[in-house]
Amino acid sequence: MVALKKRGANGKSFYYLSHTYRQKGKVRYKETKIGDKLPGDLAKLKSEFLQGIYKEKWFVDFGEIRKAYLKEQKLMPSEIREKNLEAFAVRFTYDTNRIEGSMLTLGETGALLIEGISPKDRPMRDVKEAESHRRVFYSMLSHKGDLSIGITLAWHKELFGETKPGLAGKIRDYGVYITNSTFRPPAAVELQTRLLEFFRWYSREESRMNPVELAALVHVKFETIHPFGDGNGRVGRLLMNFVLHRNGYPMIDIRYQNRKGYYRALERAHIKNDDGVFAQWFFKRYIKENGMYLKAR
């Protein structure tokens, strides 16, 4: 988080922005002077200051990951690309649903989605939601348009049309709580405005922002709005991967075993009203998941 500091020099006080972060095992400190008066656009200055640090710390590696990934995809036989994509679809479906309480194991999810074998003694809802998630995932990959309220509602309806028809594809008109969180999502009367602002922000930033950062912020901002009665996390993770895939970056699966760190990062971002908290967690996760492309340099 960017800190605002005030220090005196030669009988005059000046304001500074500072940020401490860790890079390659070392603690680093950045600071910039912003003047003797607080500017009206302090939030913008903080964002630009943090952007500079991100570019130095993360964005070069993100570019290298994309370059190596696209080269690998180009050299890979189409049959292997399809097989790898199917494996990712299974793993992503398993983890994103397991995070939300599904009882299916990874093996059962694979057998269901690849071989059509339904697991015994598992809730039918979990089976149906695994099947629908796979369909929506592939629909997301083939979507040629951009993100919008319309496509988001359509994906949510497809995800939950069979299991939760009362809320599928509908913006909530009631208040909700997040389990084990002190953060309270916006009231129902705020949602239309918040969603319009979110998609305007996306349209404005999609061509200017690093795609990995954009994916992280799309996810955390969407989760903050929490527009649905249920399924916000699953839709948010689809939106996240839409951004990565659309821009030629490898997609990411947030693993069930990493859920505690994931939840903490979202919670801290919500409570501190600082999306950068989640973005930094996401950047570290993304580098760790795709480190093989950096080693190939």
Protein backbone atom coordinates (compact mmCIF):
# COMPACT_ATOMS: atom_id res chain seq x y z
CA MET A 1 0.00 0.00 0.00
CA VAL A 2 1.30 3.45 -0.94
CA ALA A 3 2.04 5.61 2.13
CA LEU A 4 1.78 9.40 2.30
CA LYS A 5 4.51 11.04 4.37
CA LYS A 6 5.33 14.60 5.39
CA ARG A 7 8.86 15.74 6.20
CA GLY A 8 10.53 19.05 6.86
CA ALA A 9 13.60 20.41 5.08
CA ASN A 10 15.15 23.92 5.36
CA GLY A 11 12.16 25.20 7.29
CA LYS A 12 9.67 23.91 4.77
CA SER A 13 7.53 20.78 4.75
CA PHE A 14 7.09 18.50 1.76
CA TYR A 15 4.83 15.54 0.99
CA TYR A 16 6.16 12.23 -0.29
CA LEU A 17 4.68 9.00 -1.58
CA SER A 18 6.50 5.83 -0.54
CA HIS A 19 6.13 2.10 -0.95
CA THR A 20 8.09 -0.85 0.44
CA TYR A 21 8.03 -4.14 -1.44
CA ARG A 22 9.96 -7.36 -1.85
CA GLN A 23 11.68 -8.26 -5.12
CA LYS A 24 13.76 -11.38 -5.68
CA GLY A 25 14.19 -11.92 -1.96
CA LYS A 26 15.23 -8.35 -1.18
CA VAL A 27 13.23 -5.58 0.48
CA ARG A 28 13.14 -2.49 -1.71
CA TYR A 29 11.93 1.04 -1.00
CA LYS A 30 10.69 3.65 -3.46
CA GLU A 31 9.85 7.25 -2.71
CA THR A 32 8.83 10.31 -4.71
CA LYS A 33 8.31 13.94 -3.67
CA ILE A 34 4.91 15.43 -4.62
CA GLY A 35 5.33 18.99 -3.32
CA ASP A 36 4.64 21.21 -0.36
CA LYS A 37 0.85 21.02 -0.81
CA LEU A 38 -1.48 18.06 -1.15
CA PRO A 39 -2.73 17.88 -4.75
CA GLY A 40 -6.41 17.38 -5.51
CA ASP A 41 -5.66 14.30 -7.61
CA LEU A 42 -3.79 12.41 -4.87
CA ALA A 43 -5.48 9.10 -5.73
CA LYS A 44 -4.31 9.43 -9.34
CA LEU A 45 -0.76 10.23 -8.23
CA LYS A 46 -0.73 7.18 -5.95
CA SER A 47 -1.95 5.00 -8.81
CA GLU A 48 0.71 6.34 -11.21
CA PHE A 49 3.43 5.89 -8.56
CA LEU A 50 2.38 2.30 -7.98
CA GLN A 51 2.19 1.69 -11.75
CA GLY A 52 5.84 2.67 -12.03
CA ILE A 53 6.80 0.16 -9.35
CA TYR A 54 4.68 -2.55 -10.95
CA LYS A 55 6.34 -1.98 -14.31
CA GLU A 56 9.77 -2.35 -12.76
CA LYS A 57 8.90 -5.30 -10.54
CA TRP A 58 6.42 -7.39 -12.51
CA PHE A 59 5.50 -6.24 -16.00
CA VAL A 60 8.74 -7.17 -17.75
CA ASP A 61 8.33 -10.74 -16.50
CA PHE A 62 4.70 -10.78 -17.61
CA GLY A 63 5.79 -9.82 -21.10
CA GLU A 64 8.41 -12.56 -21.13
CA ILE A 65 5.83 -15.10 -19.98
CA ARG A 66 3.48 -14.10 -22.80
CA LYS A 67 6.24 -14.26 -25.40
CA ALA A 68 7.39 -17.75 -24.33
CA TYR A 69 3.81 -19.00 -23.98
CA LEU A 70 2.78 -17.89 -27.47
CA LYS A 71 5.95 -19.40 -28.94
CA GLU A 72 5.17 -22.70 -27.20
CA GLN A 73 1.57 -22.63 -28.43
CA LYS A 74 2.70 -22.00 -32.00
CA LEU A 75 5.13 -24.93 -31.98
CA MET A 76 2.73 -27.33 -30.24
CA PRO A 77 0.66 -29.77 -32.36
CA SER A 78 -3.02 -28.81 -32.35
CA GLU A 79 -3.98 -32.15 -30.79
CA ILE A 80 -1.74 -31.45 -27.80
CA ARG A 81 -3.04 -27.88 -27.47
CA GLU A 82 -6.59 -29.21 -27.33
CA LYS A 83 -5.63 -31.89 -24.82
CA ASN A 84 -3.86 -29.37 -22.59
CA LEU A 85 -6.83 -27.03 -22.79
CA GLU A 86 -9.18 -29.81 -21.77
CA ALA A 87 -6.94 -30.63 -18.81
CA PHE A 88 -6.99 -26.97 -17.76
CA ALA A 89 -10.79 -26.85 -18.15
CA VAL A 90 -11.13 -29.84 -15.82
CA ARG A 91 -8.75 -28.48 -13.23
CA PHE A 92 -10.22 -24.97 -13.38
CA THR A 93 -13.76 -26.34 -13.10
CA TYR A 94 -12.79 -28.52 -10.15
CA ASP A 95 -11.00 -25.75 -8.24
CA THR A 96 -13.45 -22.92 -8.90
CA ASN A 97 -16.39 -25.11 -7.81
CA ARG A 98 -14.53 -26.72 -4.92
CA ILE A 99 -13.72 -23.28 -3.53
CA GLU A 100 -17.47 -22.67 -3.44
CA GLY A 101 -18.27 -25.94 -1.67
CA SER A 102 -18.56 -28.62 -4.36
CA MET A 103 -18.03 -32.17 -3.09
CA LEU A 104 -16.58 -33.53 -6.34
CA THR A 105 -12.94 -34.61 -6.34
CA LEU A 106 -10.56 -33.74 -9.16
CA GLY A 107 -10.73 -37.32 -10.42
CA GLU A 108 -14.51 -37.33 -10.36
CA THR A 109 -14.59 -34.00 -12.19
CA GLY A 110 -12.31 -35.36 -14.91
CA ALA A 111 -14.30 -38.57 -15.30
CA LEU A 112 -17.51 -36.56 -15.56
CA LEU A 113 -16.32 -33.95 -18.03
CA ILE A 114 -14.10 -36.09 -20.24
CA GLU A 115 -15.71 -39.53 -20.06
CA GLY A 116 -19.26 -38.63 -19.13
CA ILE A 117 -19.18 -40.80 -16.00
CA SER A 118 -21.28 -39.33 -13.20
CA PRO A 119 -19.91 -39.92 -9.69
CA LYS A 120 -21.93 -41.92 -7.21
CA ASP A 121 -23.20 -40.46 -3.95
CA ARG A 122 -22.46 -36.88 -4.89
CA PRO A 123 -24.99 -34.02 -4.93
CA MET A 124 -26.63 -33.68 -8.33
CA ARG A 125 -26.22 -29.93 -8.02
CA ASP A 126 -22.42 -30.33 -7.95
CA VAL A 127 -22.57 -32.55 -11.04
CA LYS A 128 -24.75 -30.11 -12.98
CA GLU A 129 -22.64 -27.10 -12.00
CA ALA A 130 -19.44 -28.84 -13.10
CA GLU A 131 -20.98 -29.62 -16.49
CA SER A 132 -22.33 -26.11 -16.92
CA HIS A 133 -19.03 -24.52 -15.89
CA ARG A 134 -17.18 -26.44 -18.58
CA ARG A 135 -19.71 -25.25 -21.18
CA VAL A 136 -19.42 -21.63 -20.06
CA PHE A 137 -15.62 -21.87 -19.99
CA TYR A 138 -15.48 -22.89 -23.65
CA SER A 139 -18.13 -20.31 -24.51
CA MET A 140 -15.95 -17.71 -22.81
CA LEU A 141 -12.93 -18.76 -24.88
CA SER A 142 -14.85 -18.36 -28.15
CA HIS A 143 -16.53 -15.07 -27.22
CA LYS A 144 -15.46 -12.49 -29.82
CA GLY A 145 -17.14 -9.51 -28.21
CA ASP A 146 -16.03 -7.60 -25.16
CA LEU A 147 -17.05 -7.79 -21.54
CA SER A 148 -20.46 -6.32 -20.83
CA ILE A 149 -23.33 -6.62 -18.40
CA GLY A 150 -25.17 -8.68 -21.02
CA ILE A 151 -22.52 -11.37 -21.47
CA THR A 152 -21.88 -11.51 -17.72
CA LEU A 153 -25.58 -12.14 -17.06
CA ALA A 154 -25.65 -14.75 -19.84
CA TRP A 155 -22.71 -16.67 -18.37
CA HIS A 156 -24.25 -16.56 -14.90
CA LYS A 157 -27.58 -17.84 -16.27
CA GLU A 158 -25.84 -20.71 -18.06
CA LEU A 159 -23.85 -21.59 -14.95
CA PHE A 160 -26.84 -21.80 -12.60
CA GLY A 161 -29.92 -22.15 -14.80
CA GLU A 162 -30.40 -25.81 -13.84
CA THR A 163 -29.44 -25.62 -10.19
CA LYS A 164 -30.47 -22.15 -9.01
CA PRO A 165 -33.11 -20.94 -11.51
CA GLY A 166 -34.47 -18.37 -9.08
CA LEU A 167 -31.27 -16.30 -9.20
CA ALA A 168 -29.59 -17.40 -12.44
CA GLY A 169 -28.79 -14.46 -14.69
CA LYS A 170 -30.37 -11.93 -12.34
CA ILE A 171 -28.87 -8.97 -10.52
CA ARG A 172 -29.81 -9.29 -6.87
CA ASP A 173 -32.45 -6.99 -5.41
CA TYR A 174 -31.60 -7.84 -1.81
CA GLY A 175 -28.66 -7.53 0.56
CA VAL A 176 -26.07 -10.29 0.97
CA TYR A 177 -23.29 -11.24 3.34
CA ILE A 178 -19.99 -12.95 2.55
CA THR A 179 -19.26 -15.95 4.73
CA ASN A 180 -16.38 -15.39 7.19
CA SER A 181 -15.89 -11.81 6.01
CA THR A 182 -16.38 -8.47 7.74
CA PHE A 183 -16.91 -6.79 4.37
CA ARG A 184 -20.50 -6.00 3.45
CA PRO A 185 -21.17 -5.80 -0.32
CA PRO A 186 -23.03 -2.81 -1.75
CA ALA A 187 -26.77 -2.47 -1.22
CA ALA A 188 -29.03 -3.62 -4.04
CA VAL A 189 -29.98 -0.06 -5.00
CA GLU A 190 -26.32 0.67 -5.80
CA LEU A 191 -25.73 -2.26 -8.14
CA GLN A 192 -26.86 -0.88 -11.50
CA THR A 193 -24.72 2.23 -11.05
CA ARG A 194 -21.74 0.25 -9.75
CA LEU A 195 -21.90 -2.20 -12.66
CA LEU A 196 -22.16 0.57 -15.24
CA GLU A 197 -19.14 2.25 -13.67
CA PHE A 198 -17.26 -1.06 -13.65
CA PHE A 199 -17.78 -1.73 -17.36
CA ARG A 200 -17.00 1.89 -18.26
CA TRP A 201 -13.77 1.56 -16.28
CA TYR A 202 -12.97 -1.67 -18.13
CA SER A 203 -13.63 -0.12 -21.56
CA ARG A 204 -11.41 2.82 -20.67
CA GLU A 205 -8.52 0.77 -19.27
CA GLU A 206 -8.45 -2.37 -21.41
CA SER A 207 -6.16 -0.87 -24.05
CA ARG A 208 -3.99 1.04 -21.56
CA MET A 209 -3.38 -1.32 -18.68
CA ASN A 210 -1.09 -4.36 -18.53
CA PRO A 211 -3.42 -7.35 -19.17
CA VAL A 212 -2.30 -9.26 -16.06
CA GLU A 213 -3.00 -6.23 -13.91
CA LEU A 214 -6.29 -5.73 -15.74
CA ALA A 215 -7.30 -9.35 -15.05
CA ALA A 216 -6.51 -8.96 -11.35
CA LEU A 217 -8.43 -5.70 -11.03
CA VAL A 218 -11.41 -7.01 -13.02
CA HIS A 219 -11.67 -9.84 -10.54
CA VAL A 220 -11.32 -7.86 -7.33
CA LYS A 221 -13.59 -5.03 -8.51
CA PHE A 222 -16.28 -7.49 -9.58
CA GLU A 223 -16.08 -9.32 -6.25
CA THR A 224 -16.39 -5.99 -4.44
CA ILE A 225 -19.64 -5.23 -6.30
CA HIS A 226 -20.93 -8.78 -5.67
CA PRO A 227 -23.91 -8.34 -8.01
CA PHE A 228 -25.38 -11.85 -7.74
CA GLY A 229 -27.08 -13.71 -4.94
CA ASP A 230 -24.60 -16.56 -5.50
CA GLY A 231 -21.86 -17.44 -7.97
CA ASN A 232 -19.93 -14.15 -7.86
CA GLY A 233 -16.60 -15.90 -7.36
CA ARG A 234 -17.08 -18.31 -10.25
CA VAL A 235 -18.17 -15.55 -12.63
CA GLY A 236 -15.34 -13.31 -11.43
CA ARG A 237 -12.75 -16.00 -12.12
CA LEU A 238 -14.18 -16.48 -15.61
CA LEU A 239 -13.94 -12.74 -16.29
CA MET A 240 -10.35 -12.82 -15.05
CA ASN A 241 -9.39 -15.59 -17.47
CA PHE A 242 -11.29 -13.95 -20.32
CA VAL A 243 -8.97 -10.95 -20.02
CA LEU A 244 -5.84 -13.11 -19.94
CA HIS A 245 -6.92 -15.33 -22.85
CA ARG A 246 -8.08 -12.39 -24.97
CA ASN A 247 -4.63 -10.80 -24.66
CA GLY A 248 -2.58 -13.90 -25.38
CA TYR A 249 -1.49 -14.65 -21.81
CA PRO A 250 -1.71 -18.06 -20.13
CA MET A 251 -4.83 -18.38 -18.00
CA ILE A 252 -4.60 -19.05 -14.29
CA ASP A 253 -6.35 -21.52 -12.03
CA ILE A 254 -6.68 -20.39 -8.42
CA ARG A 255 -6.22 -23.70 -6.63
CA TYR A 256 -8.47 -24.89 -3.85
CA GLN A 257 -5.43 -25.45 -1.62
CA ASN A 258 -4.49 -21.76 -2.07
CA ARG A 259 -7.96 -20.52 -1.14
CA LYS A 260 -6.96 -19.12 2.27
CA GLY A 261 -4.39 -16.75 0.80
CA TYR A 262 -6.84 -15.86 -1.96
CA TYR A 263 -9.60 -15.08 0.54
CA ARG A 264 -7.22 -13.03 2.70
CA ALA A 265 -6.09 -10.96 -0.28
CA LEU A 266 -9.67 -10.23 -1.32
CA GLU A 267 -10.69 -9.42 2.26
CA ARG A 268 -7.79 -7.04 2.80
CA ALA A 269 -8.46 -5.31 -0.52
CA HIS A 270 -12.12 -4.87 0.44
CA ILE A 271 -11.46 -3.63 3.97
CA LYS A 272 -8.62 -1.29 2.99
CA ASN A 273 -10.49 -0.15 -0.13
CA ASP A 274 -7.26 -0.81 -2.03
CA ASP A 275 -7.46 -3.08 -5.08
CA GLY A 276 -3.66 -3.07 -5.25
CA VAL A 277 -3.54 -5.40 -2.23
CA PHE A 278 -5.22 -8.15 -4.24
CA ALA A 279 -3.26 -7.26 -7.38
CA GLN A 280 0.06 -7.88 -5.63
CA TRP A 281 -1.13 -11.26 -4.36
CA PHE A 282 -2.30 -12.10 -7.87
CA PHE A 283 1.00 -11.03 -9.46
CA LYS A 284 2.98 -13.31 -7.14
CA ARG A 285 0.62 -16.20 -7.84
CA TYR A 286 0.80 -15.59 -11.58
CA ILE A 287 4.60 -15.56 -11.61
CA LYS A 288 4.70 -18.74 -9.52
CA GLU A 289 2.23 -20.57 -11.76
CA ASN A 290 4.07 -19.54 -14.94
CA GLY A 291 7.67 -19.62 -13.75
CA MET A 292 8.52 -22.30 -16.31
CA TYR A 293 8.26 -19.71 -19.09
CA LEU A 294 10.78 -17.47 -17.36
CA LYS A 295 13.22 -20.33 -16.84
CA ALA A 296 13.05 -21.01 -20.58
CA ARG A 297 14.61 -17.61 -21.40
